[in-house]
Amino acid sequence: MIIGAHVPTAGGLKTALKVGEEIQAEALQIFPSAPLQWKIRGWSDEECAEFKKSWQKKYKQVVFHGIYLTNLAGASAENLEKTKTALIETLTLAPKIGVVGTVFHPGTYNGGIKKNAEQIKEVIKAVLENTPAHSMLIYENSAGSTIGGKLEDLAWLVNNSSDKSRVGVCLDTCHAFASGYDISTKNSYEEYIKQVDKIIGLERVFCWHLNDSKFGLGEKRDRHENIGEGKIGTDVFGYLMNDKRWENTAGYLEVPGFEDKGPDLKNIEILKGLRK
């Protein structure tokens, strides 16, 4: 597995490159804008071109993590329009810096997928029809209380996307564990992967998020912990690092860091140390 990390862009895209190099990451995940603001600010064409040229020399992949406000099942027309606009702006910005996939949280249940089925399908269709053809929408699993808590949710989103060639999924280890999928042992990990393959298809897994969990199995609490410091333990990350099925797939750390500064060198060294 390719080891990536979520890195900051405060001060510009050059910050992401610098931090990534300092922590010896092999891939980078960044926000396209402030995660709690609707407007996708972007960067100048010159800065985008320079970043695209630079990261491709040092890293295997760069992905976007969409802003936190988006909600495909939003109850208000205003929120839904803002969700659509933010995703369109993000997927339009992505190719300018060489980003293929935009990972995002699908949103709250708000009565369930079936209740909001037509609305969700319409938003996804609008986003894909109004963005570059090589910009992908990546649905992330959730910790259990929002859309994506079940693998079936992700399968529904993929299967009901207007262009299935432009969508995929991101599997977060903390979220999977929190929503009730025990991935802490070799057998339970293999069972989870078997379910992913059966329900979604392994070819749909665009990337992973590598996070331990502060809370226990099935507690539906989305609280990330450093690798080996939480309730999942270290073993599953060793399975991921050495699973040939993920050899060319990136996994991105979203952990607090041992110095409370986000993904750091120590977390990356732990993952690299698990490689055989």
Protein backbone atom coordinates (compact mmCIF):
# COMPACT_ATOMS: atom_id res chain seq x y z
CA MET A 1 0.00 0.00 0.00
CA ILE A 2 1.07 3.56 -0.76
CA ILE A 3 1.28 5.56 2.49
CA GLY A 4 -0.31 8.99 2.32
CA ALA A 5 -1.38 11.67 4.76
CA HIS A 6 -3.77 14.60 4.98
CA VAL A 7 -1.59 17.73 4.94
CA PRO A 8 -2.35 21.45 5.32
CA THR A 9 -2.36 24.08 2.58
CA ALA A 10 -2.29 27.16 4.82
CA GLY A 11 0.08 29.54 3.10
CA GLY A 12 -0.44 27.90 -0.27
CA LEU A 13 0.01 24.59 -2.04
CA LYS A 14 3.75 24.71 -1.38
CA THR A 15 2.94 24.05 2.28
CA ALA A 16 1.43 20.68 1.38
CA LEU A 17 4.58 19.72 -0.53
CA LYS A 18 6.84 20.82 2.33
CA VAL A 19 4.89 19.03 5.07
CA GLY A 20 4.56 15.89 2.95
CA GLU A 21 8.31 15.81 2.47
CA GLU A 22 8.99 16.40 6.18
CA ILE A 23 6.85 13.44 7.22
CA GLN A 24 8.08 11.26 4.32
CA ALA A 25 4.61 10.70 2.90
CA GLU A 26 4.23 8.91 -0.43
CA ALA A 27 0.88 10.53 -1.33
CA LEU A 28 -1.04 13.61 -0.18
CA GLN A 29 -4.63 14.46 0.69
CA ILE A 30 -5.65 18.13 0.89
CA PHE A 31 -8.78 20.23 1.27
CA PRO A 32 -9.80 22.33 -1.76
CA SER A 33 -10.84 25.08 0.64
CA ALA A 34 -11.59 25.74 4.30
CA PRO A 35 -13.55 22.60 5.29
CA LEU A 36 -16.32 24.50 7.08
CA GLN A 37 -16.90 27.15 4.40
CA TRP A 38 -19.07 26.68 1.32
CA LYS A 39 -16.97 28.67 -1.14
CA ILE A 40 -14.21 26.68 -2.85
CA ARG A 41 -11.44 29.26 -2.99
CA GLY A 42 -8.93 27.46 -5.21
CA TRP A 43 -5.55 28.86 -6.13
CA SER A 44 -4.15 30.88 -9.04
CA ASP A 45 -3.60 29.09 -12.35
CA GLU A 46 0.13 29.64 -11.94
CA GLU A 47 0.23 28.10 -8.45
CA CYS A 48 -1.89 25.15 -9.60
CA ALA A 49 0.40 24.46 -12.56
CA GLU A 50 3.52 24.64 -10.41
CA PHE A 51 2.05 22.34 -7.77
CA LYS A 52 0.94 19.81 -10.38
CA LYS A 53 4.41 19.77 -11.88
CA SER A 54 6.12 19.49 -8.49
CA TRP A 55 4.02 16.82 -6.76
CA GLN A 56 4.25 14.40 -9.68
CA LYS A 57 8.01 14.25 -9.15
CA LYS A 58 7.74 13.37 -5.44
CA TYR A 59 4.43 11.64 -4.75
CA LYS A 60 2.37 8.78 -6.12
CA GLN A 61 -1.00 10.53 -5.83
CA VAL A 62 -2.80 13.61 -4.55
CA VAL A 63 -6.51 13.54 -3.66
CA PHE A 64 -8.99 16.12 -2.47
CA HIS A 65 -11.09 15.69 0.64
CA GLY A 66 -14.27 17.63 0.05
CA ILE A 67 -15.59 20.16 2.54
CA TYR A 68 -17.57 18.82 5.51
CA LEU A 69 -20.79 20.72 4.79
CA THR A 70 -22.00 18.76 1.77
CA ASN A 71 -25.12 16.63 2.22
CA LEU A 72 -26.77 14.70 -0.62
CA ALA A 73 -29.82 14.16 1.60
CA GLY A 74 -30.09 17.76 2.74
CA ALA A 75 -33.55 18.78 3.91
CA SER A 76 -33.46 22.34 2.55
CA ALA A 77 -33.29 23.43 -1.07
CA GLU A 78 -30.63 25.99 -0.13
CA ASN A 79 -28.35 23.37 1.44
CA LEU A 80 -28.84 21.07 -1.53
CA GLU A 81 -27.93 23.80 -4.02
CA LYS A 82 -24.84 24.70 -1.99
CA THR A 83 -23.84 21.03 -1.87
CA LYS A 84 -24.16 20.75 -5.63
CA THR A 85 -22.21 23.95 -6.25
CA ALA A 86 -19.40 23.03 -3.84
CA LEU A 87 -18.94 19.59 -5.41
CA ILE A 88 -19.00 21.02 -8.93
CA GLU A 89 -16.43 23.67 -8.01
CA THR A 90 -14.22 21.05 -6.33
CA LEU A 91 -14.32 18.55 -9.20
CA THR A 92 -13.65 21.39 -11.66
CA LEU A 93 -10.64 22.57 -9.66
CA ALA A 94 -9.22 19.06 -9.23
CA PRO A 95 -7.69 18.54 -12.72
CA LYS A 96 -5.88 21.89 -12.49
CA ILE A 97 -3.59 20.39 -9.86
CA GLY A 98 -3.58 16.83 -11.14
CA VAL A 99 -6.17 15.45 -8.71
CA VAL A 100 -8.33 12.62 -10.06
CA GLY A 101 -10.42 11.71 -7.00
CA THR A 102 -12.41 13.86 -4.58
CA VAL A 103 -13.33 11.99 -1.39
CA PHE A 104 -16.39 13.33 0.41
CA HIS A 105 -18.95 12.46 3.10
CA PRO A 106 -22.32 11.74 1.41
CA GLY A 107 -24.30 13.28 4.28
CA THR A 108 -26.94 12.57 6.90
CA TYR A 109 -29.60 9.90 6.56
CA ASN A 110 -32.47 12.41 6.98
CA GLY A 111 -35.04 9.64 6.81
CA GLY A 112 -32.91 7.21 4.84
CA ILE A 113 -31.57 6.76 1.33
CA LYS A 114 -34.87 5.44 -0.04
CA LYS A 115 -36.75 8.52 1.13
CA ASN A 116 -34.21 10.78 -0.57
CA ALA A 117 -33.33 8.50 -3.50
CA GLU A 118 -34.45 10.75 -6.36
CA GLN A 119 -32.90 13.83 -4.78
CA ILE A 120 -29.56 12.08 -4.27
CA LYS A 121 -29.51 10.73 -7.82
CA GLU A 122 -30.33 14.14 -9.25
CA VAL A 123 -27.51 15.87 -7.34
CA ILE A 124 -24.94 13.26 -8.35
CA LYS A 125 -26.06 13.50 -11.98
CA ALA A 126 -25.80 17.29 -11.95
CA VAL A 127 -22.31 17.17 -10.43
CA LEU A 128 -21.00 14.62 -12.93
CA GLU A 129 -22.60 16.33 -15.94
CA ASN A 130 -21.08 19.71 -15.07
CA THR A 131 -17.50 18.68 -14.30
CA PRO A 132 -14.50 17.40 -16.29
CA ALA A 133 -14.80 13.79 -17.48
CA HIS A 134 -11.62 12.65 -15.72
CA SER A 135 -12.61 14.04 -12.30
CA MET A 136 -13.97 11.35 -9.98
CA LEU A 137 -16.42 11.48 -7.07
CA ILE A 138 -15.35 9.16 -4.22
CA TYR A 139 -17.96 8.18 -1.60
CA GLU A 140 -16.51 7.67 1.89
CA ASN A 141 -17.92 5.20 4.42
CA SER A 142 -19.18 6.68 7.69
CA ALA A 143 -18.96 5.79 11.37
CA GLY A 144 -22.52 4.49 11.28
CA SER A 145 -24.91 7.33 11.98
CA THR A 146 -24.81 8.90 8.50
CA ILE A 147 -24.98 7.67 4.89
CA GLY A 148 -22.17 5.19 4.30
CA GLY A 149 -22.39 3.41 7.65
CA LYS A 150 -23.27 0.23 5.77
CA LEU A 151 -21.44 -1.13 2.76
CA GLU A 152 -24.85 -1.38 1.11
CA ASP A 153 -25.12 2.43 1.28
CA LEU A 154 -21.92 2.82 -0.70
CA ALA A 155 -23.05 0.18 -3.20
CA TRP A 156 -26.34 2.05 -3.67
CA LEU A 157 -24.51 5.33 -4.31
CA VAL A 158 -22.22 3.71 -6.88
CA ASN A 159 -25.02 1.82 -8.60
CA ASN A 160 -27.26 4.88 -8.78
CA SER A 161 -24.63 7.26 -10.11
CA SER A 162 -25.34 8.47 -13.64
CA ASP A 163 -21.78 7.64 -14.76
CA LYS A 164 -20.38 4.68 -12.85
CA SER A 165 -16.97 5.06 -14.48
CA ARG A 166 -16.50 8.31 -12.57
CA VAL A 167 -17.28 7.14 -9.04
CA GLY A 168 -15.56 5.02 -6.43
CA VAL A 169 -15.35 4.53 -2.67
CA CYS A 170 -12.96 5.38 0.13
CA LEU A 171 -12.84 3.02 3.11
CA ASP A 172 -11.91 4.54 6.46
CA THR A 173 -10.68 2.00 9.03
CA CYS A 174 -11.96 3.99 12.03
CA HIS A 175 -15.37 4.48 10.41
CA ALA A 176 -15.67 0.81 9.47
CA PHE A 177 -14.84 -0.27 13.03
CA ALA A 178 -17.11 2.35 14.61
CA SER A 179 -20.03 1.26 12.43
CA GLY A 180 -19.67 -2.36 13.55
CA TYR A 181 -17.28 -4.04 11.12
CA ASP A 182 -14.61 -5.80 13.17
CA ILE A 183 -11.37 -5.53 11.21
CA SER A 184 -9.00 -6.04 14.14
CA THR A 185 -8.04 -9.67 13.49
CA LYS A 186 -6.80 -11.46 10.38
CA ASN A 187 -10.02 -13.44 10.00
CA SER A 188 -12.32 -10.46 10.57
CA TYR A 189 -10.27 -8.31 8.19
CA GLU A 190 -10.52 -10.93 5.47
CA GLU A 191 -14.27 -11.25 6.09
CA TYR A 192 -14.66 -7.49 5.74
CA ILE A 193 -12.71 -7.44 2.46
CA LYS A 194 -14.84 -10.36 1.25
CA GLN A 195 -17.99 -8.33 2.01
CA VAL A 196 -16.55 -5.26 0.27
CA ASP A 197 -15.85 -7.38 -2.80
CA LYS A 198 -19.31 -8.98 -2.80
CA ILE A 199 -21.33 -5.84 -2.08
CA ILE A 200 -19.31 -3.12 -3.83
CA GLY A 201 -16.46 -4.70 -5.76
CA LEU A 202 -12.77 -4.29 -4.89
CA GLU A 203 -12.21 -2.47 -8.17
CA ARG A 204 -14.38 0.36 -6.81
CA VAL A 205 -12.03 1.04 -3.86
CA PHE A 206 -10.18 4.18 -4.92
CA CYS A 207 -8.33 4.74 -1.64
CA TRP A 208 -8.33 4.12 2.13
CA HIS A 209 -8.19 6.33 5.20
CA LEU A 210 -5.85 4.85 7.80
CA ASN A 211 -7.05 5.74 11.29
CA ASP A 212 -7.18 3.94 14.61
CA SER A 213 -10.29 4.55 16.72
CA LYS A 214 -10.66 6.22 20.13
CA PHE A 215 -13.89 4.29 20.71
CA GLY A 216 -14.92 0.65 20.55
CA LEU A 217 -16.47 -1.59 17.95
CA GLY A 218 -19.92 -0.46 16.84
CA GLU A 219 -20.03 2.62 19.08
CA LYS A 220 -20.69 4.89 16.08
CA ARG A 221 -18.22 7.50 17.30
CA ASP A 222 -16.07 9.14 14.65
CA ARG A 223 -12.95 9.87 16.69
CA HIS A 224 -9.61 9.07 15.11
CA GLU A 225 -6.53 7.92 17.01
CA ASN A 226 -2.86 7.43 16.13
CA ILE A 227 -1.89 4.06 14.70
CA GLY A 228 -1.73 1.46 17.45
CA GLU A 229 -3.01 3.85 20.13
CA GLY A 230 -6.71 3.10 19.76
CA LYS A 231 -9.27 0.31 20.03
CA ILE A 232 -8.53 -1.26 16.64
CA GLY A 233 -4.87 -1.90 17.31
CA THR A 234 -1.94 -2.22 14.95
CA ASP A 235 -2.64 -5.56 13.28
CA VAL A 236 -5.13 -4.41 10.63
CA PHE A 237 -2.69 -1.79 9.36
CA GLY A 238 -0.12 -4.53 8.87
CA TYR A 239 -2.67 -6.53 6.87
CA LEU A 240 -3.35 -3.48 4.69
CA MET A 241 0.32 -2.66 4.19
CA ASN A 242 1.07 -6.17 2.93
CA ASP A 243 -2.13 -7.05 1.08
CA LYS A 244 -1.19 -7.36 -2.61
CA ARG A 245 -4.73 -6.30 -3.52
CA TRP A 246 -3.86 -2.79 -2.27
CA GLU A 247 -0.31 -2.68 -3.63
CA ASN A 248 -1.10 0.27 -5.91
CA THR A 249 -3.76 1.83 -3.68
CA ALA A 250 -3.07 4.78 -1.39
CA GLY A 251 -4.08 4.91 2.26
CA TYR A 252 -4.23 8.37 3.87
CA LEU A 253 -3.59 9.07 7.54
CA GLU A 254 -6.07 11.42 9.23
CA VAL A 255 -4.76 10.99 12.77
CA PRO A 256 -4.14 13.57 15.53
CA GLY A 257 -0.37 12.97 15.46
CA PHE A 258 1.83 12.26 18.43
CA GLU A 259 2.51 15.98 18.81
CA ASP A 260 -1.12 16.96 18.13
CA LYS A 261 -0.26 18.44 14.75
CA GLY A 262 -2.02 15.94 12.53
CA PRO A 263 -0.39 13.08 10.58
CA ASP A 264 3.30 13.02 11.41
CA LEU A 265 6.54 11.20 10.74
CA LYS A 266 6.04 8.82 13.67
CA ASN A 267 2.71 7.50 12.34
CA ILE A 268 4.23 7.04 8.89
CA GLU A 269 7.27 5.27 10.35
CA ILE A 270 4.95 2.88 12.18
CA LEU A 271 3.16 2.01 8.93
CA LYS A 272 6.42 1.63 7.02
CA GLY A 273 7.70 -0.60 9.81
CA LEU A 274 4.74 -2.94 9.25
CA ARG A 275 5.75 -3.60 5.66
CA LYS A 276 7.33 -7.00 5.07
